[in-house]
Amino acid sequence: MAHLRELTISLLDWESRAVLEALTREMQRLKVLAETSDDEDEGADAGNDFLEIGGLLERLQSQAKSIW
């Protein structure tokens, strides 16, 4: 069983945009990797990471929209 820990941070608007953009780019990279990888394990891992980062991105976007 995994022990989940939580990190709380505060970001300025430009820092938030940089993080959101970086997550969006990483999602695109992982999507391409999942779709094109010849290694089944690598493709599956990339697909799983894509979904996890998607959830994080949605959470951050939701919080950012409520502030901006």
PDB file of N, CA and C in Angstrom:
ATOM      1  N   MET A   1       0.847  -1.180   0.000  1.00  0.00           N
ATOM      2  CA  MET A   1       0.000   0.000   0.000  1.00  0.00           C
ATOM      3  C   MET A   1       0.892   1.243   0.000  1.00  0.00           C
ATOM      4  N   ALA A   2       0.568   2.180  -0.848  1.00  0.00           N
ATOM      5  CA  ALA A   2       1.354   3.403  -0.982  1.00  0.00           C
ATOM      6  C   ALA A   2       0.965   4.400   0.106  1.00  0.00           C
ATOM      7  N   HIS A   3       1.952   5.078   0.597  1.00  0.00           N
ATOM      8  CA  HIS A   3       1.718   6.144   1.569  1.00  0.00           C
ATOM      9  C   HIS A   3       1.706   7.462   0.799  1.00  0.00           C
ATOM     10  N   LEU A   4       0.548   8.082   0.698  1.00  0.00           N
ATOM     11  CA  LEU A   4       0.414   9.317  -0.063  1.00  0.00           C
ATOM     12  C   LEU A   4       0.776  10.511   0.804  1.00  0.00           C
ATOM     13  N   ARG A   5       1.552  11.396   0.234  1.00  0.00           N
ATOM     14  CA  ARG A   5       1.919  12.634   0.918  1.00  0.00           C
ATOM     15  C   ARG A   5       1.420  13.800   0.092  1.00  0.00           C
ATOM     16  N   GLU A   6       1.288  14.926   0.719  1.00  0.00           N
ATOM     17  CA  GLU A   6       0.727  16.090   0.044  1.00  0.00           C
ATOM     18  C   GLU A   6       1.710  17.257   0.129  1.00  0.00           C
ATOM     19  N   LEU A   7       1.777  18.006  -0.968  1.00  0.00           N
ATOM     20  CA  LEU A   7       2.618  19.190  -1.046  1.00  0.00           C
ATOM     21  C   LEU A   7       1.718  20.372  -1.372  1.00  0.00           C
ATOM     22  N   THR A   8       1.807  21.408  -0.588  1.00  0.00           N
ATOM     23  CA  THR A   8       1.035  22.614  -0.831  1.00  0.00           C
ATOM     24  C   THR A   8       2.010  23.727  -1.191  1.00  0.00           C
ATOM     25  N   ILE A   9       1.774  24.387  -2.341  1.00  0.00           N
ATOM     26  CA  ILE A   9       2.646  25.466  -2.775  1.00  0.00           C
ATOM     27  C   ILE A   9       1.807  26.669  -3.192  1.00  0.00           C
ATOM     28  N   SER A  10       2.465  27.788  -3.280  1.00  0.00           N
ATOM     29  CA  SER A  10       1.830  29.012  -3.744  1.00  0.00           C
ATOM     30  C   SER A  10       2.625  29.510  -4.947  1.00  0.00           C
ATOM     31  N   LEU A  11       1.920  29.806  -6.040  1.00  0.00           N
ATOM     32  CA  LEU A  11       2.584  30.240  -7.271  1.00  0.00           C
ATOM     33  C   LEU A  11       2.058  31.597  -7.710  1.00  0.00           C
ATOM     34  N   LEU A  12       2.941  32.402  -8.268  1.00  0.00           N
ATOM     35  CA  LEU A  12       2.523  33.641  -8.909  1.00  0.00           C
ATOM     36  C   LEU A  12       1.835  33.302 -10.224  1.00  0.00           C
ATOM     37  N   ASP A  13       1.138  34.263 -10.816  1.00  0.00           N
ATOM     38  CA  ASP A  13       0.400  33.968 -12.044  1.00  0.00           C
ATOM     39  C   ASP A  13       1.313  33.460 -13.158  1.00  0.00           C
ATOM     40  N   TRP A  14       2.472  34.081 -13.367  1.00  0.00           N
ATOM     41  CA  TRP A  14       3.355  33.649 -14.446  1.00  0.00           C
ATOM     42  C   TRP A  14       3.947  32.274 -14.151  1.00  0.00           C
ATOM     43  N   GLU A  15       4.178  31.973 -12.872  1.00  0.00           N
ATOM     44  CA  GLU A  15       4.692  30.653 -12.505  1.00  0.00           C
ATOM     45  C   GLU A  15       3.627  29.587 -12.776  1.00  0.00           C
ATOM     46  N   SER A  16       2.393  29.918 -12.470  1.00  0.00           N
ATOM     47  CA  SER A  16       1.287  28.996 -12.722  1.00  0.00           C
ATOM     48  C   SER A  16       1.171  28.695 -14.206  1.00  0.00           C
ATOM     49  N   ARG A  17       1.257  29.733 -15.027  1.00  0.00           N
ATOM     50  CA  ARG A  17       1.179  29.530 -16.474  1.00  0.00           C
ATOM     51  C   ARG A  17       2.323  28.647 -16.972  1.00  0.00           C
ATOM     52  N   ALA A  18       3.511  28.858 -16.430  1.00  0.00           N
ATOM     53  CA  ALA A  18       4.662  28.050 -16.840  1.00  0.00           C
ATOM     54  C   ALA A  18       4.448  26.582 -16.476  1.00  0.00           C
ATOM     55  N   VAL A  19       3.921  26.314 -15.298  1.00  0.00           N
ATOM     56  CA  VAL A  19       3.664  24.941 -14.870  1.00  0.00           C
ATOM     57  C   VAL A  19       2.574  24.313 -15.731  1.00  0.00           C
ATOM     58  N   LEU A  20       1.501  25.045 -15.983  1.00  0.00           N
ATOM     59  CA  LEU A  20       0.412  24.524 -16.815  1.00  0.00           C
ATOM     60  C   LEU A  20       0.888  24.218 -18.231  1.00  0.00           C
ATOM     61  N   GLU A  21       1.703  25.090 -18.793  1.00  0.00           N
ATOM     62  CA  GLU A  21       2.245  24.865 -20.136  1.00  0.00           C
ATOM     63  C   GLU A  21       3.169  23.656 -20.160  1.00  0.00           C
ATOM     64  N   ALA A  22       3.994  23.511 -19.127  1.00  0.00           N
ATOM     65  CA  ALA A  22       4.918  22.375 -19.062  1.00  0.00           C
ATOM     66  C   ALA A  22       4.143  21.059 -18.946  1.00  0.00           C
ATOM     67  N   LEU A  23       3.092  21.052 -18.146  1.00  0.00           N
ATOM     68  CA  LEU A  23       2.279  19.840 -18.021  1.00  0.00           C
ATOM     69  C   LEU A  23       1.585  19.505 -19.334  1.00  0.00           C
ATOM     70  N   THR A  24       1.114  20.513 -20.031  1.00  0.00           N
ATOM     71  CA  THR A  24       0.463  20.299 -21.331  1.00  0.00           C
ATOM     72  C   THR A  24       1.453  19.703 -22.331  1.00  0.00           C
ATOM     73  N   ARG A  25       2.675  20.233 -22.367  1.00  0.00           N
ATOM     74  CA  ARG A  25       3.697  19.699 -23.278  1.00  0.00           C
ATOM     75  C   ARG A  25       4.061  18.262 -22.907  1.00  0.00           C
ATOM     76  N   GLU A  26       4.165  17.989 -21.616  1.00  0.00           N
ATOM     77  CA  GLU A  26       4.506  16.633 -21.176  1.00  0.00           C
ATOM     78  C   GLU A  26       3.389  15.661 -21.535  1.00  0.00           C
ATOM     79  N   MET A  27       2.150  16.090 -21.420  1.00  0.00           N
ATOM     80  CA  MET A  27       1.041  15.230 -21.818  1.00  0.00           C
ATOM     81  C   MET A  27       1.116  14.891 -23.298  1.00  0.00           C
ATOM     82  N   GLN A  28       1.435  15.870 -24.124  1.00  0.00           N
ATOM     83  CA  GLN A  28       1.567  15.622 -25.566  1.00  0.00           C
ATOM     84  C   GLN A  28       2.691  14.632 -25.850  1.00  0.00           C
ATOM     85  N   ARG A  29       3.815  14.791 -25.158  1.00  0.00           N
ATOM     86  CA  ARG A  29       4.953  13.884 -25.337  1.00  0.00           C
ATOM     87  C   ARG A  29       4.563  12.465 -24.953  1.00  0.00           C
ATOM     88  N   LEU A  30       3.900  12.323 -23.818  1.00  0.00           N
ATOM     89  CA  LEU A  30       3.498  10.998 -23.351  1.00  0.00           C
ATOM     90  C   LEU A  30       2.457  10.364 -24.268  1.00  0.00           C
ATOM     91  N   LYS A  31       1.566  11.176 -24.807  1.00  0.00           N
ATOM     92  CA  LYS A  31       0.546  10.655 -25.729  1.00  0.00           C
ATOM     93  C   LYS A  31       1.196  10.071 -26.970  1.00  0.00           C
ATOM     94  N   VAL A  32       2.143  10.808 -27.527  1.00  0.00           N
ATOM     95  CA  VAL A  32       2.858  10.322 -28.723  1.00  0.00           C
ATOM     96  C   VAL A  32       3.628   9.049 -28.381  1.00  0.00           C
ATOM     97  N   LEU A  33       4.293   9.038 -27.237  1.00  0.00           N
ATOM     98  CA  LEU A  33       5.062   7.866 -26.827  1.00  0.00           C
ATOM     99  C   LEU A  33       4.147   6.656 -26.647  1.00  0.00           C
ATOM    100  N   ALA A  34       3.003   6.847 -26.019  1.00  0.00           N
ATOM    101  CA  ALA A  34       2.061   5.747 -25.801  1.00  0.00           C
ATOM    102  C   ALA A  34       1.536   5.199 -27.122  1.00  0.00           C
ATOM    103  N   GLU A  35       1.337   6.069 -28.083  1.00  0.00           N
ATOM    104  CA  GLU A  35       0.768   5.657 -29.368  1.00  0.00           C
ATOM    105  C   GLU A  35       1.793   5.062 -30.329  1.00  0.00           C
ATOM    106  N   THR A  36       3.055   5.399 -30.162  1.00  0.00           N
ATOM    107  CA  THR A  36       4.054   4.994 -31.156  1.00  0.00           C
ATOM    108  C   THR A  36       5.128   4.048 -30.638  1.00  0.00           C
ATOM    109  N   SER A  37       5.165   3.787 -29.350  1.00  0.00           N
ATOM    110  CA  SER A  37       6.237   2.961 -28.798  1.00  0.00           C
ATOM    111  C   SER A  37       6.132   1.517 -29.284  1.00  0.00           C
ATOM    112  N   ASP A  38       7.273   0.953 -29.635  1.00  0.00           N
ATOM    113  CA  ASP A  38       7.339  -0.453 -30.016  1.00  0.00           C
ATOM    114  C   ASP A  38       7.381  -1.361 -28.785  1.00  0.00           C
ATOM    115  N   ASP A  39       7.775  -0.789 -27.660  1.00  0.00           N
ATOM    116  CA  ASP A  39       7.854  -1.523 -26.398  1.00  0.00           C
ATOM    117  C   ASP A  39       6.501  -1.420 -25.687  1.00  0.00           C
ATOM    118  N   GLU A  40       5.837  -2.554 -25.528  1.00  0.00           N
ATOM    119  CA  GLU A  40       4.491  -2.570 -24.946  1.00  0.00           C
ATOM    120  C   GLU A  40       4.474  -1.999 -23.520  1.00  0.00           C
ATOM    121  N   ASP A  41       5.493  -2.334 -22.724  1.00  0.00           N
ATOM    122  CA  ASP A  41       5.550  -1.828 -21.344  1.00  0.00           C
ATOM    123  C   ASP A  41       5.754  -0.319 -21.317  1.00  0.00           C
ATOM    124  N   GLU A  42       6.642   0.161 -22.165  1.00  0.00           N
ATOM    125  CA  GLU A  42       6.904   1.595 -22.236  1.00  0.00           C
ATOM    126  C   GLU A  42       5.648   2.355 -22.671  1.00  0.00           C
ATOM    127  N   GLY A  43       4.956   1.827 -23.647  1.00  0.00           N
ATOM    128  CA  GLY A  43       3.724   2.452 -24.118  1.00  0.00           C
ATOM    129  C   GLY A  43       2.657   2.484 -23.034  1.00  0.00           C
ATOM    130  N   ALA A  44       2.528   1.377 -22.296  1.00  0.00           N
ATOM    131  CA  ALA A  44       1.542   1.321 -21.216  1.00  0.00           C
ATOM    132  C   ALA A  44       1.902   2.293 -20.101  1.00  0.00           C
ATOM    133  N   ASP A  45       3.173   2.354 -19.740  1.00  0.00           N
ATOM    134  CA  ASP A  45       3.611   3.296 -18.702  1.00  0.00           C
ATOM    135  C   ASP A  45       3.345   4.736 -19.132  1.00  0.00           C
ATOM    136  N   ALA A  46       3.638   5.045 -20.376  1.00  0.00           N
ATOM    137  CA  ALA A  46       3.404   6.397 -20.886  1.00  0.00           C
ATOM    138  C   ALA A  46       1.913   6.724 -20.868  1.00  0.00           C
ATOM    139  N   GLY A  47       1.087   5.761 -21.229  1.00  0.00           N
ATOM    140  CA  GLY A  47      -0.358   5.975 -21.192  1.00  0.00           C
ATOM    141  C   GLY A  47      -0.868   6.225 -19.784  1.00  0.00           C
ATOM    142  N   ASN A  48      -0.359   5.454 -18.833  1.00  0.00           N
ATOM    143  CA  ASN A  48      -0.749   5.652 -17.432  1.00  0.00           C
ATOM    144  C   ASN A  48      -0.302   7.014 -16.920  1.00  0.00           C
ATOM    145  N   ASP A  49       0.933   7.389 -17.238  1.00  0.00           N
ATOM    146  CA  ASP A  49       1.441   8.699 -16.816  1.00  0.00           C
ATOM    147  C   ASP A  49       0.632   9.821 -17.454  1.00  0.00           C
ATOM    148  N   PHE A  50       0.250   9.635 -18.705  1.00  0.00           N
ATOM    149  CA  PHE A  50      -0.584  10.614 -19.404  1.00  0.00           C
ATOM    150  C   PHE A  50      -1.882  10.865 -18.638  1.00  0.00           C
ATOM    151  N   LEU A  51      -2.526   9.804 -18.199  1.00  0.00           N
ATOM    152  CA  LEU A  51      -3.773   9.933 -17.454  1.00  0.00           C
ATOM    153  C   LEU A  51      -3.566  10.621 -16.106  1.00  0.00           C
ATOM    154  N   GLU A  52      -2.497  10.256 -15.406  1.00  0.00           N
ATOM    155  CA  GLU A  52      -2.212  10.866 -14.103  1.00  0.00           C
ATOM    156  C   GLU A  52      -1.937  12.363 -14.239  1.00  0.00           C
ATOM    157  N   ILE A  53      -1.127  12.725 -15.219  1.00  0.00           N
ATOM    158  CA  ILE A  53      -0.811  14.138 -15.428  1.00  0.00           C
ATOM    159  C   ILE A  53      -2.052  14.895 -15.885  1.00  0.00           C
ATOM    160  N   GLY A  54      -2.907  14.228 -16.653  1.00  0.00           N
ATOM    161  CA  GLY A  54      -4.161  14.856 -17.064  1.00  0.00           C
ATOM    162  C   GLY A  54      -5.015  15.237 -15.862  1.00  0.00           C
ATOM    163  N   GLY A  55      -5.079  14.358 -14.878  1.00  0.00           N
ATOM    164  CA  GLY A  55      -5.831  14.664 -13.659  1.00  0.00           C
ATOM    165  C   GLY A  55      -5.234  15.825 -12.898  1.00  0.00           C
ATOM    166  N   LEU A  56      -3.910  15.849 -12.805  1.00  0.00           N
ATOM    167  CA  LEU A  56      -3.234  16.963 -12.137  1.00  0.00           C
ATOM    168  C   LEU A  56      -3.476  18.261 -12.885  1.00  0.00           C
ATOM    169  N   LEU A  57      -3.362  18.223 -14.194  1.00  0.00           N
ATOM    170  CA  LEU A  57      -3.568  19.416 -15.008  1.00  0.00           C
ATOM    171  C   LEU A  57      -4.990  19.965 -14.825  1.00  0.00           C
ATOM    172  N   GLU A  58      -5.964  19.091 -14.830  1.00  0.00           N
ATOM    173  CA  GLU A  58      -7.350  19.533 -14.624  1.00  0.00           C
ATOM    174  C   GLU A  58      -7.521  20.207 -13.268  1.00  0.00           C
ATOM    175  N   ARG A  59      -6.931  19.617 -12.230  1.00  0.00           N
ATOM    176  CA  ARG A  59      -7.026  20.193 -10.887  1.00  0.00           C
ATOM    177  C   ARG A  59      -6.396  21.576 -10.828  1.00  0.00           C
ATOM    178  N   LEU A  60      -5.210  21.703 -11.397  1.00  0.00           N
ATOM    179  CA  LEU A  60      -4.519  22.991 -11.377  1.00  0.00           C
ATOM    180  C   LEU A  60      -5.260  24.039 -12.203  1.00  0.00           C
ATOM    181  N   GLN A  61      -5.771  23.636 -13.360  1.00  0.00           N
ATOM    182  CA  GLN A  61      -6.520  24.575 -14.199  1.00  0.00           C
ATOM    183  C   GLN A  61      -7.776  25.061 -13.476  1.00  0.00           C
ATOM    184  N   SER A  62      -8.429  24.172 -12.799  1.00  0.00           N
ATOM    185  CA  SER A  62      -9.635  24.534 -12.060  1.00  0.00           C
ATOM    186  C   SER A  62      -9.319  25.559 -10.967  1.00  0.00           C
ATOM    187  N   GLN A  63      -8.257  25.325 -10.247  1.00  0.00           N
ATOM    188  CA  GLN A  63      -7.858  26.252  -9.182  1.00  0.00           C
ATOM    189  C   GLN A  63      -7.410  27.589  -9.764  1.00  0.00           C
ATOM    190  N   ALA A  64      -6.690  27.532 -10.882  1.00  0.00           N
ATOM    191  CA  ALA A  64      -6.203  28.775 -11.511  1.00  0.00           C
ATOM    192  C   ALA A  64      -7.379  29.618 -12.021  1.00  0.00           C
ATOM    193  N   LYS A  65      -8.373  28.960 -12.614  1.00  0.00           N
ATOM    194  CA  LYS A  65      -9.534  29.691 -13.143  1.00  0.00           C
ATOM    195  C   LYS A  65     -10.314  30.396 -12.023  1.00  0.00           C
ATOM    196  N   SER A  66     -10.375  29.778 -10.876  1.00  0.00           N
ATOM    197  CA  SER A  66     -11.114  30.394  -9.769  1.00  0.00           C
ATOM    198  C   SER A  66     -10.393  31.624  -9.219  1.00  0.00           C
ATOM    199  N   ILE A  67      -9.079  31.710  -9.456  1.00  0.00           N
ATOM    200  CA  ILE A  67      -8.297  32.852  -8.972  1.00  0.00           C
ATOM    201  C   ILE A  67      -8.175  33.937 -10.021  1.00  0.00           C
ATOM    202  N   TRP A  68      -7.991  33.568 -11.291  1.00  0.00           N
ATOM    203  CA  TRP A  68      -7.789  34.538 -12.354  1.00  0.00           C
ATOM    204  C   TRP A  68      -9.111  35.025 -12.809  1.00  0.00           C
TER     205      TRP A  68
END
